[in-house]
mmCIF file of all heavy atoms, coordinates in Angstrom:
data_MODEL
# 
_entry.id   MODEL 
# 
loop_
_atom_site.group_PDB 
_atom_site.id 
_atom_site.type_symbol 
_atom_site.label_atom_id 
_atom_site.label_alt_id 
_atom_site.label_comp_id 
_atom_site.label_asym_id 
_atom_site.label_entity_id 
_atom_site.label_seq_id 
_atom_site.pdbx_PDB_ins_code 
_atom_site.Cartn_x 
_atom_site.Cartn_y 
_atom_site.Cartn_z 
_atom_site.occupancy 
_atom_site.B_iso_or_equiv 
_atom_site.pdbx_formal_charge 
_atom_site.auth_seq_id 
_atom_site.auth_comp_id 
_atom_site.auth_asym_id 
_atom_site.auth_atom_id 
_atom_site.pdbx_PDB_model_num 
ATOM 1   N N   . ARG A 1 1  ? 95.192 102.266 110.017 1.00 0.00 ? 1  ARG A N   1 
ATOM 2   C CA  . ARG A 1 1  ? 95.523 103.264 111.073 1.00 0.00 ? 1  ARG A CA  1 
ATOM 3   C C   . ARG A 1 1  ? 94.382 104.378 110.948 1.00 0.00 ? 1  ARG A C   1 
ATOM 4   O O   . ARG A 1 1  ? 93.980 104.925 112.028 1.00 0.00 ? 1  ARG A O   1 
ATOM 5   C CB  . ARG A 1 1  ? 96.876 103.921 110.849 1.00 0.00 ? 1  ARG A CB  1 
ATOM 6   C CG  . ARG A 1 1  ? 97.370 104.919 111.832 1.00 0.00 ? 1  ARG A CG  1 
ATOM 7   C CD  . ARG A 1 1  ? 98.667 105.378 111.500 1.00 0.00 ? 1  ARG A CD  1 
ATOM 8   N NE  . ARG A 1 1  ? 98.731 106.203 110.373 1.00 0.00 ? 1  ARG A NE  1 
ATOM 9   C CZ  . ARG A 1 1  ? 98.329 107.485 110.215 1.00 0.00 ? 1  ARG A CZ  1 
ATOM 10  N NH1 . ARG A 1 1  ? 97.884 108.066 111.368 1.00 0.00 ? 1  ARG A NH1 1 
ATOM 11  N NH2 . ARG A 1 1  ? 98.362 108.106 109.138 1.00 0.00 ? 1  ARG A NH2 1 
ATOM 12  N N   . LEU A 1 2  ? 94.078 104.809 109.668 1.00 0.00 ? 2  LEU A N   1 
ATOM 13  C CA  . LEU A 1 2  ? 93.128 105.939 109.437 1.00 0.00 ? 2  LEU A CA  1 
ATOM 14  C C   . LEU A 1 2  ? 91.746 105.442 109.997 1.00 0.00 ? 2  LEU A C   1 
ATOM 15  O O   . LEU A 1 2  ? 90.974 106.267 110.499 1.00 0.00 ? 2  LEU A O   1 
ATOM 16  C CB  . LEU A 1 2  ? 93.020 106.245 107.969 1.00 0.00 ? 2  LEU A CB  1 
ATOM 17  C CG  . LEU A 1 2  ? 94.301 106.925 107.401 1.00 0.00 ? 2  LEU A CG  1 
ATOM 18  C CD1 . LEU A 1 2  ? 94.217 107.206 105.999 1.00 0.00 ? 2  LEU A CD1 1 
ATOM 19  C CD2 . LEU A 1 2  ? 94.503 108.207 108.073 1.00 0.00 ? 2  LEU A CD2 1 
ATOM 20  N N   . ALA A 1 3  ? 91.423 104.165 109.671 1.00 0.00 ? 3  ALA A N   1 
ATOM 21  C CA  . ALA A 1 3  ? 90.148 103.636 110.120 1.00 0.00 ? 3  ALA A CA  1 
ATOM 22  C C   . ALA A 1 3  ? 90.040 103.689 111.682 1.00 0.00 ? 3  ALA A C   1 
ATOM 23  O O   . ALA A 1 3  ? 88.996 103.996 112.273 1.00 0.00 ? 3  ALA A O   1 
ATOM 24  C CB  . ALA A 1 3  ? 89.883 102.361 109.643 1.00 0.00 ? 3  ALA A CB  1 
ATOM 25  N N   . ASP A 1 4  ? 91.063 103.360 112.367 1.00 0.00 ? 4  ASP A N   1 
ATOM 26  C CA  . ASP A 1 4  ? 91.141 103.319 113.850 1.00 0.00 ? 4  ASP A CA  1 
ATOM 27  C C   . ASP A 1 4  ? 90.976 104.872 114.395 1.00 0.00 ? 4  ASP A C   1 
ATOM 28  O O   . ASP A 1 4  ? 90.198 105.046 115.251 1.00 0.00 ? 4  ASP A O   1 
ATOM 29  C CB  . ASP A 1 4  ? 92.492 102.783 114.338 1.00 0.00 ? 4  ASP A CB  1 
ATOM 30  C CG  . ASP A 1 4  ? 92.646 102.842 115.839 1.00 0.00 ? 4  ASP A CG  1 
ATOM 31  O OD1 . ASP A 1 4  ? 91.879 102.061 116.438 1.00 0.00 ? 4  ASP A OD1 1 
ATOM 32  O OD2 . ASP A 1 4  ? 93.405 103.633 116.363 1.00 0.00 ? 4  ASP A OD2 1 
ATOM 33  N N   . ALA A 1 5  ? 91.630 105.827 113.675 1.00 0.00 ? 5  ALA A N   1 
ATOM 34  C CA  . ALA A 1 5  ? 91.396 107.077 114.084 1.00 0.00 ? 5  ALA A CA  1 
ATOM 35  C C   . ALA A 1 5  ? 90.074 107.635 113.864 1.00 0.00 ? 5  ALA A C   1 
ATOM 36  O O   . ALA A 1 5  ? 89.418 108.386 114.718 1.00 0.00 ? 5  ALA A O   1 
ATOM 37  C CB  . ALA A 1 5  ? 92.446 108.059 113.312 1.00 0.00 ? 5  ALA A CB  1 
ATOM 38  N N   . TYR A 1 6  ? 89.485 107.119 112.737 1.00 0.00 ? 6  TYR A N   1 
ATOM 39  C CA  . TYR A 1 6  ? 88.096 107.660 112.358 1.00 0.00 ? 6  TYR A CA  1 
ATOM 40  C C   . TYR A 1 6  ? 87.137 107.186 113.451 1.00 0.00 ? 6  TYR A C   1 
ATOM 41  O O   . TYR A 1 6  ? 86.294 107.883 113.881 1.00 0.00 ? 6  TYR A O   1 
ATOM 42  C CB  . TYR A 1 6  ? 87.676 107.115 111.034 1.00 0.00 ? 6  TYR A CB  1 
ATOM 43  C CG  . TYR A 1 6  ? 86.365 107.409 110.584 1.00 0.00 ? 6  TYR A CG  1 
ATOM 44  C CD1 . TYR A 1 6  ? 86.164 108.589 109.802 1.00 0.00 ? 6  TYR A CD1 1 
ATOM 45  C CD2 . TYR A 1 6  ? 85.231 106.591 110.882 1.00 0.00 ? 6  TYR A CD2 1 
ATOM 46  C CE1 . TYR A 1 6  ? 84.816 108.893 109.295 1.00 0.00 ? 6  TYR A CE1 1 
ATOM 47  C CE2 . TYR A 1 6  ? 83.950 106.942 110.371 1.00 0.00 ? 6  TYR A CE2 1 
ATOM 48  C CZ  . TYR A 1 6  ? 83.754 108.108 109.656 1.00 0.00 ? 6  TYR A CZ  1 
ATOM 49  O OH  . TYR A 1 6  ? 82.535 108.423 109.244 1.00 0.00 ? 6  TYR A OH  1 
ATOM 50  N N   . ASP A 1 7  ? 87.258 105.889 113.791 1.00 0.00 ? 7  ASP A N   1 
ATOM 51  C CA  . ASP A 1 7  ? 86.320 105.292 114.822 1.00 0.00 ? 7  ASP A CA  1 
ATOM 52  C C   . ASP A 1 7  ? 86.477 105.709 116.163 1.00 0.00 ? 7  ASP A C   1 
ATOM 53  O O   . ASP A 1 7  ? 85.515 105.786 116.946 1.00 0.00 ? 7  ASP A O   1 
ATOM 54  C CB  . ASP A 1 7  ? 86.399 103.684 114.726 1.00 0.00 ? 7  ASP A CB  1 
ATOM 55  C CG  . ASP A 1 7  ? 85.704 103.217 113.504 1.00 0.00 ? 7  ASP A CG  1 
ATOM 56  O OD1 . ASP A 1 7  ? 84.853 103.924 112.875 1.00 0.00 ? 7  ASP A OD1 1 
ATOM 57  O OD2 . ASP A 1 7  ? 86.015 102.093 113.025 1.00 0.00 ? 7  ASP A OD2 1 
ATOM 58  N N   . ASN A 1 8  ? 87.769 105.949 116.520 1.00 0.00 ? 8  ASN A N   1 
ATOM 59  C CA  . ASN A 1 8  ? 88.094 106.108 117.944 1.00 0.00 ? 8  ASN A CA  1 
ATOM 60  C C   . ASN A 1 8  ? 88.542 107.467 118.372 1.00 0.00 ? 8  ASN A C   1 
ATOM 61  O O   . ASN A 1 8  ? 88.740 107.720 119.646 1.00 0.00 ? 8  ASN A O   1 
ATOM 62  C CB  . ASN A 1 8  ? 89.165 105.053 118.390 1.00 0.00 ? 8  ASN A CB  1 
ATOM 63  C CG  . ASN A 1 8  ? 88.634 103.645 118.127 1.00 0.00 ? 8  ASN A CG  1 
ATOM 64  O OD1 . ASN A 1 8  ? 87.506 103.280 118.585 1.00 0.00 ? 8  ASN A OD1 1 
ATOM 65  N ND2 . ASN A 1 8  ? 89.559 102.774 117.540 1.00 0.00 ? 8  ASN A ND2 1 
ATOM 66  N N   . LYS A 1 9  ? 89.036 108.385 117.439 1.00 0.00 ? 9  LYS A N   1 
ATOM 67  C CA  . LYS A 1 9  ? 89.630 109.558 117.895 1.00 0.00 ? 9  LYS A CA  1 
ATOM 68  C C   . LYS A 1 9  ? 88.903 110.833 117.333 1.00 0.00 ? 9  LYS A C   1 
ATOM 69  O O   . LYS A 1 9  ? 89.251 111.983 117.834 1.00 0.00 ? 9  LYS A O   1 
ATOM 70  C CB  . LYS A 1 9  ? 91.096 109.620 117.451 1.00 0.00 ? 9  LYS A CB  1 
ATOM 71  C CG  . LYS A 1 9  ? 91.952 108.463 117.979 1.00 0.00 ? 9  LYS A CG  1 
ATOM 72  C CD  . LYS A 1 9  ? 93.396 108.489 117.632 1.00 0.00 ? 9  LYS A CD  1 
ATOM 73  C CE  . LYS A 1 9  ? 94.169 107.417 118.095 1.00 0.00 ? 9  LYS A CE  1 
ATOM 74  N NZ  . LYS A 1 9  ? 95.531 107.450 117.682 1.00 0.00 ? 9  LYS A NZ  1 
ATOM 75  N N   . LEU A 1 10 ? 88.053 110.689 116.341 1.00 0.00 ? 10 LEU A N   1 
ATOM 76  C CA  . LEU A 1 10 ? 87.334 111.865 115.788 1.00 0.00 ? 10 LEU A CA  1 
ATOM 77  C C   . LEU A 1 10 ? 85.840 112.001 116.355 1.00 0.00 ? 10 LEU A C   1 
ATOM 78  O O   . LEU A 1 10 ? 85.202 111.018 116.631 1.00 0.00 ? 10 LEU A O   1 
ATOM 79  C CB  . LEU A 1 10 ? 87.185 111.641 114.255 1.00 0.00 ? 10 LEU A CB  1 
ATOM 80  C CG  . LEU A 1 10 ? 88.652 111.601 113.508 1.00 0.00 ? 10 LEU A CG  1 
ATOM 81  C CD1 . LEU A 1 10 ? 88.352 111.586 112.027 1.00 0.00 ? 10 LEU A CD1 1 
ATOM 82  C CD2 . LEU A 1 10 ? 89.485 112.820 113.786 1.00 0.00 ? 10 LEU A CD2 1 
ATOM 83  N N   . ASP A 1 11 ? 85.481 113.257 116.459 1.00 0.00 ? 11 ASP A N   1 
ATOM 84  C CA  . ASP A 1 11 ? 84.081 113.450 116.813 1.00 0.00 ? 11 ASP A CA  1 
ATOM 85  C C   . ASP A 1 11 ? 83.307 113.569 115.577 1.00 0.00 ? 11 ASP A C   1 
ATOM 86  O O   . ASP A 1 11 ? 83.810 113.197 114.453 1.00 0.00 ? 11 ASP A O   1 
ATOM 87  C CB  . ASP A 1 11 ? 83.948 114.713 117.636 1.00 0.00 ? 11 ASP A CB  1 
ATOM 88  C CG  . ASP A 1 11 ? 84.467 116.059 116.853 1.00 0.00 ? 11 ASP A CG  1 
ATOM 89  O OD1 . ASP A 1 11 ? 84.663 115.871 115.538 1.00 0.00 ? 11 ASP A OD1 1 
ATOM 90  O OD2 . ASP A 1 11 ? 84.603 117.061 117.488 1.00 0.00 ? 11 ASP A OD2 1 
ATOM 91  N N   . CYS A 1 12 ? 81.985 113.838 115.664 1.00 0.00 ? 12 CYS A N   1 
ATOM 92  C CA  . CYS A 1 12 ? 81.102 113.779 114.467 1.00 0.00 ? 12 CYS A CA  1 
ATOM 93  C C   . CYS A 1 12 ? 81.509 114.719 113.364 1.00 0.00 ? 12 CYS A C   1 
ATOM 94  O O   . CYS A 1 12 ? 81.482 114.529 112.292 1.00 0.00 ? 12 CYS A O   1 
ATOM 95  C CB  . CYS A 1 12 ? 79.653 113.919 114.873 1.00 0.00 ? 12 CYS A CB  1 
ATOM 96  S SG  . CYS A 1 12 ? 79.352 115.601 115.633 1.00 0.00 ? 12 CYS A SG  1 
ATOM 97  N N   . TRP A 1 13 ? 82.168 115.900 113.838 1.00 0.00 ? 13 TRP A N   1 
ATOM 98  C CA  . TRP A 1 13 ? 82.495 116.910 112.828 1.00 0.00 ? 13 TRP A CA  1 
ATOM 99  C C   . TRP A 1 13 ? 83.747 116.454 112.059 1.00 0.00 ? 13 TRP A C   1 
ATOM 100 O O   . TRP A 1 13 ? 83.853 116.619 110.891 1.00 0.00 ? 13 TRP A O   1 
ATOM 101 C CB  . TRP A 1 13 ? 82.860 118.300 113.588 1.00 0.00 ? 13 TRP A CB  1 
ATOM 102 C CG  . TRP A 1 13 ? 81.605 118.795 114.194 1.00 0.00 ? 13 TRP A CG  1 
ATOM 103 C CD1 . TRP A 1 13 ? 81.366 118.879 115.622 1.00 0.00 ? 13 TRP A CD1 1 
ATOM 104 C CD2 . TRP A 1 13 ? 80.389 119.315 113.580 1.00 0.00 ? 13 TRP A CD2 1 
ATOM 105 N NE1 . TRP A 1 13 ? 80.069 119.360 115.891 1.00 0.00 ? 13 TRP A NE1 1 
ATOM 106 C CE2 . TRP A 1 13 ? 79.494 119.649 114.636 1.00 0.00 ? 13 TRP A CE2 1 
ATOM 107 C CE3 . TRP A 1 13 ? 80.012 119.474 112.332 1.00 0.00 ? 13 TRP A CE3 1 
ATOM 108 C CZ2 . TRP A 1 13 ? 78.229 120.181 114.481 1.00 0.00 ? 13 TRP A CZ2 1 
ATOM 109 C CZ3 . TRP A 1 13 ? 78.765 120.024 112.003 1.00 0.00 ? 13 TRP A CZ3 1 
ATOM 110 C CH2 . TRP A 1 13 ? 77.852 120.456 113.125 1.00 0.00 ? 13 TRP A CH2 1 
ATOM 111 N N   . GLY A 1 14 ? 84.618 115.854 112.808 1.00 0.00 ? 14 GLY A N   1 
ATOM 112 C CA  . GLY A 1 14 ? 85.841 115.292 112.178 1.00 0.00 ? 14 GLY A CA  1 
ATOM 113 C C   . GLY A 1 14 ? 85.531 114.180 111.228 1.00 0.00 ? 14 GLY A C   1 
ATOM 114 O O   . GLY A 1 14 ? 86.042 114.120 110.062 1.00 0.00 ? 14 GLY A O   1 
ATOM 115 N N   . ARG A 1 15 ? 84.532 113.362 111.510 1.00 0.00 ? 15 ARG A N   1 
ATOM 116 C CA  . ARG A 1 15 ? 84.274 112.240 110.661 1.00 0.00 ? 15 ARG A CA  1 
ATOM 117 C C   . ARG A 1 15 ? 83.504 112.838 109.329 1.00 0.00 ? 15 ARG A C   1 
ATOM 118 O O   . ARG A 1 15 ? 83.744 112.340 108.237 1.00 0.00 ? 15 ARG A O   1 
ATOM 119 C CB  . ARG A 1 15 ? 83.219 111.283 111.350 1.00 0.00 ? 15 ARG A CB  1 
ATOM 120 C CG  . ARG A 1 15 ? 83.995 110.444 112.478 1.00 0.00 ? 15 ARG A CG  1 
ATOM 121 C CD  . ARG A 1 15 ? 82.984 109.653 113.241 1.00 0.00 ? 15 ARG A CD  1 
ATOM 122 N NE  . ARG A 1 15 ? 83.558 109.021 114.325 1.00 0.00 ? 15 ARG A NE  1 
ATOM 123 C CZ  . ARG A 1 15 ? 82.988 108.333 115.348 1.00 0.00 ? 15 ARG A CZ  1 
ATOM 124 N NH1 . ARG A 1 15 ? 81.597 108.177 115.238 1.00 0.00 ? 15 ARG A NH1 1 
ATOM 125 N NH2 . ARG A 1 15 ? 83.602 107.755 116.301 1.00 0.00 ? 15 ARG A NH2 1 
ATOM 126 N N   . GLN A 1 16 ? 82.655 113.843 109.581 1.00 0.00 ? 16 GLN A N   1 
ATOM 127 C CA  . GLN A 1 16 ? 82.061 114.494 108.412 1.00 0.00 ? 16 GLN A CA  1 
ATOM 128 C C   . GLN A 1 16 ? 83.069 115.119 107.468 1.00 0.00 ? 16 GLN A C   1 
ATOM 129 O O   . GLN A 1 16 ? 83.008 114.985 106.295 1.00 0.00 ? 16 GLN A O   1 
ATOM 130 C CB  . GLN A 1 16 ? 81.123 115.578 108.886 1.00 0.00 ? 16 GLN A CB  1 
ATOM 131 C CG  . GLN A 1 16 ? 80.460 116.215 107.717 1.00 0.00 ? 16 GLN A CG  1 
ATOM 132 C CD  . GLN A 1 16 ? 79.576 115.542 106.852 1.00 0.00 ? 16 GLN A CD  1 
ATOM 133 O OE1 . GLN A 1 16 ? 79.104 114.509 107.344 1.00 0.00 ? 16 GLN A OE1 1 
ATOM 134 N NE2 . GLN A 1 16 ? 79.350 115.902 105.735 1.00 0.00 ? 16 GLN A NE2 1 
ATOM 135 N N   . ALA A 1 17 ? 84.184 115.719 107.993 1.00 0.00 ? 17 ALA A N   1 
ATOM 136 C CA  . ALA A 1 17 ? 85.177 116.309 107.272 1.00 0.00 ? 17 ALA A CA  1 
ATOM 137 C C   . ALA A 1 17 ? 85.996 115.246 106.492 1.00 0.00 ? 17 ALA A C   1 
ATOM 138 O O   . ALA A 1 17 ? 86.379 115.470 105.329 1.00 0.00 ? 17 ALA A O   1 
ATOM 139 C CB  . ALA A 1 17 ? 86.223 117.069 108.112 1.00 0.00 ? 17 ALA A CB  1 
ATOM 140 N N   . VAL A 1 18 ? 86.206 114.069 107.108 1.00 0.00 ? 18 VAL A N   1 
ATOM 141 C CA  . VAL A 1 18 ? 86.849 113.056 106.437 1.00 0.00 ? 18 VAL A CA  1 
ATOM 142 C C   . VAL A 1 18 ? 86.044 112.537 105.300 1.00 0.00 ? 18 VAL A C   1 
ATOM 143 O O   . VAL A 1 18 ? 86.544 112.266 104.159 1.00 0.00 ? 18 VAL A O   1 
ATOM 144 C CB  . VAL A 1 18 ? 87.148 111.910 107.456 1.00 0.00 ? 18 VAL A CB  1 
ATOM 145 C CG1 . VAL A 1 18 ? 87.714 110.569 106.676 1.00 0.00 ? 18 VAL A CG1 1 
ATOM 146 C CG2 . VAL A 1 18 ? 88.320 112.339 108.364 1.00 0.00 ? 18 VAL A CG2 1 
ATOM 147 N N   . ARG A 1 19 ? 84.797 112.418 105.463 1.00 0.00 ? 19 ARG A N   1 
ATOM 148 C CA  . ARG A 1 19 ? 83.869 111.816 104.496 1.00 0.00 ? 19 ARG A CA  1 
ATOM 149 C C   . ARG A 1 19 ? 83.724 112.837 103.287 1.00 0.00 ? 19 ARG A C   1 
ATOM 150 O O   . ARG A 1 19 ? 83.878 112.386 102.061 1.00 0.00 ? 19 ARG A O   1 
ATOM 151 C CB  . ARG A 1 19 ? 82.430 111.582 104.995 1.00 0.00 ? 19 ARG A CB  1 
ATOM 152 C CG  . ARG A 1 19 ? 82.375 110.456 105.883 1.00 0.00 ? 19 ARG A CG  1 
ATOM 153 C CD  . ARG A 1 19 ? 80.904 110.022 106.132 1.00 0.00 ? 19 ARG A CD  1 
ATOM 154 N NE  . ARG A 1 19 ? 80.141 111.119 106.789 1.00 0.00 ? 19 ARG A NE  1 
ATOM 155 C CZ  . ARG A 1 19 ? 80.122 111.235 108.214 1.00 0.00 ? 19 ARG A CZ  1 
ATOM 156 N NH1 . ARG A 1 19 ? 80.617 110.328 108.911 1.00 0.00 ? 19 ARG A NH1 1 
ATOM 157 N NH2 . ARG A 1 19 ? 79.292 112.219 108.729 1.00 0.00 ? 19 ARG A NH2 1 
ATOM 158 N N   . GLU A 1 20 ? 83.727 114.032 103.458 1.00 0.00 ? 20 GLU A N   1 
ATOM 159 C CA  . GLU A 1 20 ? 83.702 115.101 102.463 1.00 0.00 ? 20 GLU A CA  1 
ATOM 160 C C   . GLU A 1 20 ? 85.048 115.078 101.731 1.00 0.00 ? 20 GLU A C   1 
ATOM 161 O O   . GLU A 1 20 ? 85.064 115.179 100.455 1.00 0.00 ? 20 GLU A O   1 
ATOM 162 C CB  . GLU A 1 20 ? 83.474 116.499 103.046 1.00 0.00 ? 20 GLU A CB  1 
ATOM 163 C CG  . GLU A 1 20 ? 82.083 116.619 103.529 1.00 0.00 ? 20 GLU A CG  1 
ATOM 164 C CD  . GLU A 1 20 ? 81.802 118.019 104.144 1.00 0.00 ? 20 GLU A CD  1 
ATOM 165 O OE1 . GLU A 1 20 ? 82.741 118.771 104.236 1.00 0.00 ? 20 GLU A OE1 1 
ATOM 166 O OE2 . GLU A 1 20 ? 80.686 118.321 104.583 1.00 0.00 ? 20 GLU A OE2 1 
ATOM 167 N N   . LEU A 1 21 ? 86.075 114.907 102.410 1.00 0.00 ? 21 LEU A N   1 
ATOM 168 C CA  . LEU A 1 21 ? 87.458 114.986 101.738 1.00 0.00 ? 21 LEU A CA  1 
ATOM 169 C C   . LEU A 1 21 ? 87.579 113.734 100.945 1.00 0.00 ? 21 LEU A C   1 
ATOM 170 O O   . LEU A 1 21 ? 88.071 113.823 99.678  1.00 0.00 ? 21 LEU A O   1 
ATOM 171 C CB  . LEU A 1 21 ? 88.669 115.005 102.806 1.00 0.00 ? 21 LEU A CB  1 
ATOM 172 C CG  . LEU A 1 21 ? 90.108 114.905 102.256 1.00 0.00 ? 21 LEU A CG  1 
ATOM 173 C CD1 . LEU A 1 21 ? 90.265 116.129 101.304 1.00 0.00 ? 21 LEU A CD1 1 
ATOM 174 C CD2 . LEU A 1 21 ? 91.048 114.874 103.362 1.00 0.00 ? 21 LEU A CD2 1 
ATOM 175 N N   . VAL A 1 22 ? 87.229 112.593 101.375 1.00 0.00 ? 22 VAL A N   1 
ATOM 176 C CA  . VAL A 1 22 ? 87.336 111.358 100.618 1.00 0.00 ? 22 VAL A CA  1 
ATOM 177 C C   . VAL A 1 22 ? 86.470 111.473 99.348  1.00 0.00 ? 22 VAL A C   1 
ATOM 178 O O   . VAL A 1 22 ? 86.798 111.127 98.216  1.00 0.00 ? 22 VAL A O   1 
ATOM 179 C CB  . VAL A 1 22 ? 86.905 110.114 101.506 1.00 0.00 ? 22 VAL A CB  1 
ATOM 180 C CG1 . VAL A 1 22 ? 86.762 108.846 100.484 1.00 0.00 ? 22 VAL A CG1 1 
ATOM 181 C CG2 . VAL A 1 22 ? 87.908 109.869 102.597 1.00 0.00 ? 22 VAL A CG2 1 
ATOM 182 N N   . ALA A 1 23 ? 85.224 112.043 99.422  1.00 0.00 ? 23 ALA A N   1 
ATOM 183 C CA  . ALA A 1 23 ? 84.259 112.100 98.302  1.00 0.00 ? 23 ALA A CA  1 
ATOM 184 C C   . ALA A 1 23 ? 84.906 113.036 97.284  1.00 0.00 ? 23 ALA A C   1 
ATOM 185 O O   . ALA A 1 23 ? 84.852 112.841 96.061  1.00 0.00 ? 23 ALA A O   1 
ATOM 186 C CB  . ALA A 1 23 ? 83.005 112.635 98.700  1.00 0.00 ? 23 ALA A CB  1 
ATOM 187 N N   . THR A 1 24 ? 85.576 114.148 97.706  1.00 0.00 ? 24 THR A N   1 
ATOM 188 C CA  . THR A 1 24 ? 86.139 115.206 96.844  1.00 0.00 ? 24 THR A CA  1 
ATOM 189 C C   . THR A 1 24 ? 87.332 114.570 96.093  1.00 0.00 ? 24 THR A C   1 
ATOM 190 O O   . THR A 1 24 ? 87.446 114.693 94.899  1.00 0.00 ? 24 THR A O   1 
ATOM 191 C CB  . THR A 1 24 ? 86.593 116.348 97.679  1.00 0.00 ? 24 THR A CB  1 
ATOM 192 O OG1 . THR A 1 24 ? 85.567 117.053 98.233  1.00 0.00 ? 24 THR A OG1 1 
ATOM 193 C CG2 . THR A 1 24 ? 87.354 117.462 96.775  1.00 0.00 ? 24 THR A CG2 1 
# 
């Protein structure tokens, strides 16, 4: 579900925020 949201519902800023949160 998260992967679907990442690919289809987030813009570039949202994807960057997800990547930073996952790394943290």
